[in-house]
Protein backbone atom coordinates (compact mmCIF):
# COMPACT_ATOMS: atom_id res chain seq x y z
CA UNK A 1 -0.02 0.02 0.03
CA UNK A 2 2.99 2.30 0.44
CA UNK A 3 2.99 2.94 -3.33
CA UNK A 4 -0.75 3.62 -3.53
CA UNK A 5 -0.83 6.91 -1.55
CA UNK A 6 -1.41 8.98 -4.67
CA UNK A 7 -4.55 6.95 -5.50
CA UNK A 8 -6.01 7.84 -2.08
CA UNK A 9 -5.12 11.51 -2.68
CA UNK A 10 -6.98 11.59 -5.99
CA UNK A 11 -10.02 9.98 -4.40
CA UNK A 12 -10.04 12.68 -1.73
CA UNK A 13 -9.87 15.64 -4.13
CA UNK A 14 -13.68 15.78 -4.88
CA UNK A 15 -14.45 15.87 -1.19
CA UNK A 16 -11.95 18.70 -0.66
CA UNK A 17 -13.44 20.63 -3.58
CA UNK A 18 -16.95 20.27 -2.12
CA UNK A 19 -15.84 21.62 1.26
CA UNK A 20 -14.16 24.66 -0.38
CA UNK A 21 -17.34 25.43 -2.33
CA UNK A 22 -19.45 25.30 0.81
CA UNK A 23 -17.08 27.58 2.61
CA UNK A 24 -17.09 30.19 -0.23
CA UNK A 25 -20.91 30.21 -0.38
CA UNK A 26 -21.16 30.71 3.36
CA UNK A 27 -19.03 33.92 3.31
CA UNK A 28 -20.99 37.26 3.37
CA UNK A 29 -21.47 38.83 -0.02
CA UNK A 30 -20.17 42.22 1.16
CA UNK A 31 -18.28 43.79 4.06
CA UNK A 32 -20.30 45.50 6.74
CA UNK A 33 -19.47 49.25 6.39
CA UNK A 34 -19.60 49.60 10.19
CA UNK A 35 -16.70 47.21 10.50
CA UNK A 36 -14.51 49.70 8.66
CA UNK A 37 -15.23 52.49 11.08
CA UNK A 38 -12.52 52.98 13.71
CA UNK A 39 -13.53 52.70 17.24
CA UNK A 40 -13.42 56.01 19.12
CA UNK A 41 -10.33 55.03 21.03
CA UNK A 42 -8.52 54.17 17.78
CA UNK A 43 -9.09 57.53 16.08
CA UNK A 44 -6.15 60.02 16.02
CA UNK A 45 -6.38 62.57 18.80
CA UNK A 46 -5.99 66.32 18.08
CA UNK A 47 -5.46 68.90 20.88
CA UNK A 48 -6.22 72.56 20.60
CA UNK A 49 -4.42 75.15 22.71
CA UNK A 50 -6.67 78.22 22.30
CA UNK A 51 -6.30 81.82 23.48
CA UNK A 52 -9.87 82.67 24.55
CA UNK A 53 -9.20 86.41 24.16
CA UNK A 54 -8.32 85.99 20.46
CA UNK A 55 -10.77 83.52 19.02
CA UNK A 56 -14.17 84.41 17.71
CA UNK A 57 -17.47 82.91 18.89
CA UNK A 58 -18.13 79.57 17.23
CA UNK A 59 -14.47 78.75 16.65
CA UNK A 60 -14.52 75.66 18.87
CA UNK A 61 -17.64 74.25 17.14
CA UNK A 62 -16.00 74.77 13.71
CA UNK A 63 -12.82 72.99 14.74
CA UNK A 64 -14.78 70.08 16.24
CA UNK A 65 -16.85 69.80 13.10
CA UNK A 66 -13.77 69.50 10.87
CA UNK A 67 -12.22 66.92 13.15
CA UNK A 68 -15.39 64.79 13.09
CA UNK A 69 -15.67 65.12 9.32
CA UNK A 70 -12.13 63.82 8.86
CA UNK A 71 -12.62 60.88 11.18
CA UNK A 72 -10.53 62.28 14.08
CA UNK A 73 -11.47 62.02 17.71
CA UNK A 74 -13.11 64.94 19.47
CA UNK A 75 -10.28 67.41 20.14
CA UNK A 76 -8.79 67.96 23.56
CA UNK A 77 -9.62 71.63 24.24
CA UNK A 78 -7.12 73.54 26.41
CA UNK A 79 -7.44 77.25 26.96
CA UNK A 80 -4.53 79.54 27.79
CA UNK A 81 -4.40 81.77 30.83
CA UNK A 82 -2.57 84.88 31.87
CA UNK A 83 -0.32 82.71 34.01
CA UNK A 84 0.31 80.09 31.35
CA UNK A 85 -0.02 81.37 27.74
CA UNK A 86 0.22 77.90 26.22
CA UNK A 87 3.29 75.96 27.21
CA UNK A 88 1.76 74.00 30.08
CA UNK A 89 -1.33 73.22 28.02
CA UNK A 90 0.79 71.90 25.12
CA UNK A 91 2.83 69.71 27.49
CA UNK A 92 -0.40 68.27 28.86
CA UNK A 93 -1.56 67.51 25.32
CA UNK A 94 1.68 65.56 24.67
CA UNK A 95 1.24 63.65 27.93
CA UNK A 96 -2.28 62.64 26.91
CA UNK A 97 -1.05 61.24 23.61
CA UNK A 98 -2.15 63.98 21.15
CA UNK A 99 -1.11 63.24 17.55
CA UNK A 100 -1.10 66.89 16.64
CA UNK A 101 -1.39 70.09 18.70
CA UNK A 102 -3.13 73.12 17.16
CA UNK A 103 -2.11 76.55 18.33
CA UNK A 104 -5.21 78.72 18.09
CA UNK A 105 -4.27 82.35 18.75
CA UNK A 106 -1.67 84.91 17.85
CA UNK A 107 2.10 84.72 17.53
CA UNK A 108 2.51 84.67 21.29
CA UNK A 109 0.33 81.58 21.62
CA UNK A 110 2.22 79.88 18.74
CA UNK A 111 5.56 80.59 20.48
CA UNK A 112 4.34 79.27 23.80
CA UNK A 113 3.05 76.02 22.29
CA UNK A 114 6.30 75.64 20.36
CA UNK A 115 8.21 75.97 23.62
CA UNK A 116 6.70 72.62 24.74
CA UNK A 117 6.63 70.82 21.39
CA UNK A 118 10.22 71.55 20.16
CA UNK A 119 12.21 68.35 20.27
CA UNK A 120 9.24 66.08 21.01
CA UNK A 121 8.45 65.06 17.41
CA UNK A 122 4.76 65.86 17.98
CA UNK A 123 3.43 67.86 15.05
CA UNK A 124 2.15 71.38 15.48
CA UNK A 125 -0.68 72.98 13.44
CA UNK A 126 -1.68 76.64 13.23
CA UNK A 127 -5.16 78.24 13.49
CA UNK A 128 -4.24 81.96 13.08
CA UNK A 129 -6.24 84.29 15.30
CA UNK A 130 -3.87 87.15 16.05
CA UNK A 131 -2.89 90.47 14.46
CA UNK A 132 0.44 89.51 12.91
CA UNK A 133 0.30 85.75 12.39
CA UNK A 134 3.85 85.96 10.90
CA UNK A 135 4.66 82.24 11.00
CA UNK A 136 1.32 81.38 9.45
CA UNK A 137 1.96 83.85 6.67
CA UNK A 138 5.42 82.37 6.07
CA UNK A 139 4.11 78.78 5.91
CA UNK A 140 1.07 79.65 3.81
CA UNK A 141 -1.54 78.72 6.48
CA UNK A 142 -4.84 80.38 5.61
CA UNK A 143 -6.81 82.61 8.03
CA UNK A 144 -9.99 80.60 7.50
CA UNK A 145 -10.54 78.38 10.56
CA UNK A 146 -11.84 75.29 8.77
CA UNK A 147 -9.14 75.43 6.10
CA UNK A 148 -6.44 75.88 8.66
CA UNK A 149 -7.68 72.93 10.71
CA UNK A 150 -7.76 70.65 7.64
CA UNK A 151 -4.13 71.48 7.02
CA UNK A 152 -3.22 70.80 10.66
CA UNK A 153 -4.83 67.36 10.44
CA UNK A 154 -3.94 66.27 6.91
CA UNK A 155 -1.09 68.51 5.68
CA UNK A 156 2.55 67.72 5.11
CA UNK A 157 5.09 67.52 7.94
CA UNK A 158 7.97 69.97 7.65
CA UNK A 159 10.77 70.26 10.24
CA UNK A 160 11.75 73.86 10.94
CA UNK A 161 14.49 75.49 12.93
CA UNK A 162 13.85 77.01 16.29
CA UNK A 163 15.61 79.97 17.88
CA UNK A 164 16.50 79.81 21.54
CA UNK A 165 17.38 82.83 23.66
CA UNK A 166 18.64 83.65 27.17
CA UNK A 167 17.99 87.13 28.50
CA UNK A 168 20.56 88.85 30.75
CA UNK A 169 22.18 85.56 31.70
CA UNK A 170 18.97 83.90 32.90
CA UNK A 171 19.00 80.14 33.35
CA UNK A 172 15.75 79.95 31.38
CA UNK A 173 15.99 79.61 27.62
CA UNK A 174 13.01 80.82 25.61
CA UNK A 175 11.90 79.74 22.14
CA UNK A 176 11.15 82.00 19.16
CA UNK A 177 10.09 80.98 15.71
CA UNK A 178 10.05 84.20 13.67
CA UNK A 179 12.17 87.06 15.08
CA UNK A 180 13.81 88.24 18.26
CA UNK A 181 14.99 91.85 18.53
CA UNK A 182 16.17 94.69 20.62
CA UNK A 183 15.74 98.41 20.13
CA UNK A 184 13.36 100.12 17.71
CA UNK A 185 11.28 97.08 16.70
CA UNK A 186 10.79 96.00 20.29
CA UNK A 187 9.82 99.55 21.26
CA UNK A 188 7.06 99.41 18.65
CA UNK A 189 5.66 96.15 20.11
CA UNK A 190 5.90 97.56 23.62
CA UNK A 191 4.09 100.80 22.81
CA UNK A 192 1.27 99.34 20.72
CA UNK A 193 -1.90 99.06 22.87
CA UNK A 194 -3.85 95.84 22.56
CA UNK A 195 -7.09 97.87 22.17
CA UNK A 196 -5.59 99.68 19.15
CA UNK A 197 -4.61 96.37 17.54
CA UNK A 198 -8.18 95.13 17.96
CA UNK A 199 -9.56 98.33 16.46
CA UNK A 200 -7.31 98.85 13.43
CA UNK A 201 -5.34 95.60 13.09
CA UNK A 202 -1.78 95.69 11.67
CA UNK A 203 -2.06 99.49 11.12
CA UNK A 204 -1.59 99.82 14.88
CA UNK A 205 2.10 98.88 14.45
CA UNK A 206 2.56 101.55 11.80
CA UNK A 207 1.15 104.20 14.12
CA UNK A 208 3.47 103.12 16.94
CA UNK A 209 6.39 102.93 14.50
CA UNK A 210 5.98 106.56 13.40
CA UNK A 211 6.06 107.60 17.06
CA UNK A 212 9.19 105.62 17.76
CA UNK A 213 11.25 106.89 14.82
CA UNK A 214 12.57 109.84 16.76
CA UNK A 215 14.60 107.79 19.17
CA UNK A 216 18.39 107.90 19.41
CA UNK A 217 20.90 105.28 18.28
CA UNK A 218 22.74 103.25 20.90
CA UNK A 219 25.96 101.26 20.95
CA UNK A 220 25.94 97.46 20.85
CA UNK A 221 28.52 94.74 20.50
CA UNK A 222 27.67 91.76 18.29
CA UNK A 223 29.50 88.42 18.48
CA UNK A 224 28.59 85.99 15.68
CA UNK A 225 29.48 82.37 16.31
CA UNK A 226 33.14 82.57 17.59
CA UNK A 227 34.08 85.60 15.48
CA UNK A 228 35.59 88.88 16.51
CA UNK A 229 33.15 91.15 18.36
CA UNK A 230 31.69 93.85 16.16
CA UNK A 231 30.98 97.36 17.64
CA UNK A 232 28.02 99.12 16.09
CA UNK A 233 25.66 102.06 16.54
CA UNK A 234 22.13 100.89 16.09
CA UNK A 235 18.45 101.63 16.30
CA UNK A 236 17.51 97.98 16.17
CA UNK A 237 19.14 94.55 15.90
CA UNK A 238 16.89 91.74 14.75
CA UNK A 239 17.66 88.07 14.68
CA UNK A 240 15.31 86.13 12.40
CA UNK A 241 14.37 82.55 11.64
CA UNK A 242 11.96 84.03 9.10
CA UNK A 243 12.48 87.37 7.33
CA UNK A 244 8.88 88.13 6.35
CA UNK A 245 7.06 91.12 7.84
CA UNK A 246 3.47 92.25 7.67
CA UNK A 247 2.18 93.14 4.20
CA UNK A 248 4.62 90.75 2.52
CA UNK A 249 7.60 93.03 3.26
CA UNK A 250 10.89 91.13 3.64
CA UNK A 251 13.39 92.33 6.24
CA UNK A 252 15.88 89.49 5.75
CA UNK A 253 15.86 88.19 2.14
CA UNK A 254 18.11 85.21 2.84
CA UNK A 255 16.26 83.94 5.93
CA UNK A 256 14.80 80.48 5.57
CA UNK A 257 13.09 78.61 8.39
CA UNK A 258 14.92 75.30 7.83
CA UNK A 259 18.44 76.26 6.71
CA UNK A 260 20.14 75.63 10.13
CA UNK A 261 21.20 79.26 10.65
CA UNK A 262 19.72 82.46 11.93
CA UNK A 263 19.80 85.80 10.03
CA UNK A 264 20.94 88.96 11.73
CA UNK A 265 20.24 92.55 10.63
CA UNK A 266 21.44 95.79 12.13
CA UNK A 267 19.56 98.90 11.23
CA UNK A 268 21.14 102.24 12.06
CA UNK A 269 19.44 105.07 10.19
CA UNK A 270 20.28 108.67 11.05
CA UNK A 271 17.47 111.14 10.58
CA UNK A 272 14.51 111.04 8.17
CA UNK A 273 16.78 110.46 5.12
CA UNK A 274 18.21 107.38 6.80
CA UNK A 275 14.77 105.95 7.45
CA UNK A 276 13.75 106.56 3.84
CA UNK A 277 16.82 104.63 2.68
CA UNK A 278 16.04 101.79 5.04
CA UNK A 279 12.45 101.65 3.74
CA UNK A 280 13.66 101.48 0.21
CA UNK A 281 16.02 98.66 1.12
CA UNK A 282 13.20 96.61 2.71
CA UNK A 283 10.81 97.21 -0.16
CA UNK A 284 13.44 96.23 -2.74
CA UNK A 285 14.36 93.07 -0.78
CA UNK A 286 18.09 93.71 -1.35
CA UNK A 287 20.87 92.76 1.05
CA UNK A 288 23.23 95.42 -0.17
CA UNK A 289 23.04 99.07 -1.14
CA UNK A 290 22.92 101.10 2.15
CA UNK A 291 25.58 101.27 4.85
CA UNK A 292 22.89 101.77 7.46
CA UNK A 293 21.63 98.22 7.01
CA UNK A 294 23.92 95.30 7.56
CA UNK A 295 23.23 91.54 7.25
CA UNK A 296 24.89 88.42 8.63
CA UNK A 297 24.13 84.73 9.23
CA UNK A 298 25.23 82.74 12.26
CA UNK A 299 24.40 79.77 14.43
CA UNK A 300 24.95 81.64 17.68
CA UNK A 301 24.64 85.39 18.36
CA UNK A 302 25.47 87.49 21.39
CA UNK A 303 24.07 91.00 21.57
CA UNK A 304 25.39 93.29 24.33
CA UNK A 305 24.00 96.81 24.65
CA UNK A 306 25.63 99.63 26.52
CA UNK A 307 22.26 100.44 28.17
CA UNK A 308 19.10 98.37 28.69
CA UNK A 309 17.02 98.25 25.51
CA UNK A 310 13.40 97.17 24.87
CA UNK A 311 13.39 93.58 23.59
CA UNK A 312 10.88 91.25 22.01
CA UNK A 313 10.22 87.64 21.01
CA UNK A 314 7.96 87.00 18.09
CA UNK A 315 6.27 90.35 18.72
CA UNK A 316 5.83 89.89 22.48
CA UNK A 317 7.65 92.50 24.59
CA UNK A 318 9.90 90.94 27.22
CA UNK A 319 11.11 94.15 28.90
CA UNK A 320 14.42 95.91 28.78
CA UNK A 321 17.62 93.84 28.40
CA UNK A 322 21.36 94.46 27.93
CA UNK A 323 22.49 90.94 26.94
CA UNK A 324 20.79 88.47 24.57
CA UNK A 325 22.38 85.06 23.97
CA UNK A 326 20.72 83.44 20.95
CA UNK A 327 21.29 80.12 19.20
CA UNK A 328 19.59 78.03 16.53
CA UNK A 329 18.29 74.47 17.11
CA UNK A 330 18.04 73.03 13.62
CA UNK A 331 14.93 71.00 12.55
CA UNK A 332 13.65 70.96 16.11
CA UNK A 333 9.90 71.47 15.45
CA UNK A 334 7.57 69.52 13.19
CA UNK A 335 5.02 71.80 11.52
CA UNK A 336 1.92 70.82 9.53
CA UNK A 337 1.98 72.83 6.33
CA UNK A 338 -0.13 72.93 3.13
CA UNK A 339 0.60 70.26 0.55
CA UNK A 340 0.95 73.04 -2.04
CA UNK A 341 1.48 76.58 -0.70
CA UNK A 342 -0.81 79.23 -2.27
CA UNK A 343 0.91 81.25 -5.05
CA UNK A 344 0.95 84.47 -3.00
CA UNK A 345 2.92 82.98 -0.10
CA UNK A 346 6.39 84.50 0.36
CA UNK A 347 9.47 82.42 -0.16
CA UNK A 348 9.67 80.19 2.95
CA UNK A 349 11.73 82.28 5.34
């Protein structure tokens, strides 16, 4: 019988075929659509860090509607406070397992959220609700809430550089994403009332700027990387991760948010003619052409002023300072950006 095994196999084939046919007929003709729907606990979790003084009524409802429509879980809603403008809330979102954290507010809210997210790998989305919204403008994030949320949930990931700064030797190191500065630009931010920004928008900065133009130049020492210290007279020194200002104006034409360096500009106009020359330089987007405007790039910058000067981070005044230690942390923050930036978006940077 040892040689007859193949005869037994042939005899068993019809039985096997019958069993297969029965099994196929017993399968459901279609897949239950409900079986394809993720359980609530399996849906990706968004978190929203919202500045309640900036957002309009109905914003939360619109954000929740977009999340539901895209199959995400109901967002974790965390509001900022005067004591904590967003950093603690963003840390809590990371602890609770958020897949993306949306900063819903102005540049200050964005910076505070980035303070917590930098280096974590958790993606950050933007829902612009401030006056400047400089990072959102640079990245091409729209002002429309629903469109911005869709980008935050489904857009591309882009790693951008982060600026880090110590003020007057403090042990604390703060994050900035757009620009940090001392002198004239910080004085503008400091002297622009919140009520005026609410009433006239970005025009409020223009009004404050005209008032601040009469100030005097001061002496500063700049040390770029490990180079020789540079002595300069200045009205303002600005260090930028992005060079784009309001209205599409470009202060630092070479600044790019993911090039691993920070751009530095020293502006030292003397009198009205000097300011006219500076304005022409900014409008033309040129790096050369006027001795009152100087540009550099560096990974670390030390600014030392002979007297305390108004200072700012991403448009938020931080008081007077005489010493700013600044460095770049390359590719430290994951941003959700549009798949294809709109055609009117400035060159990234």
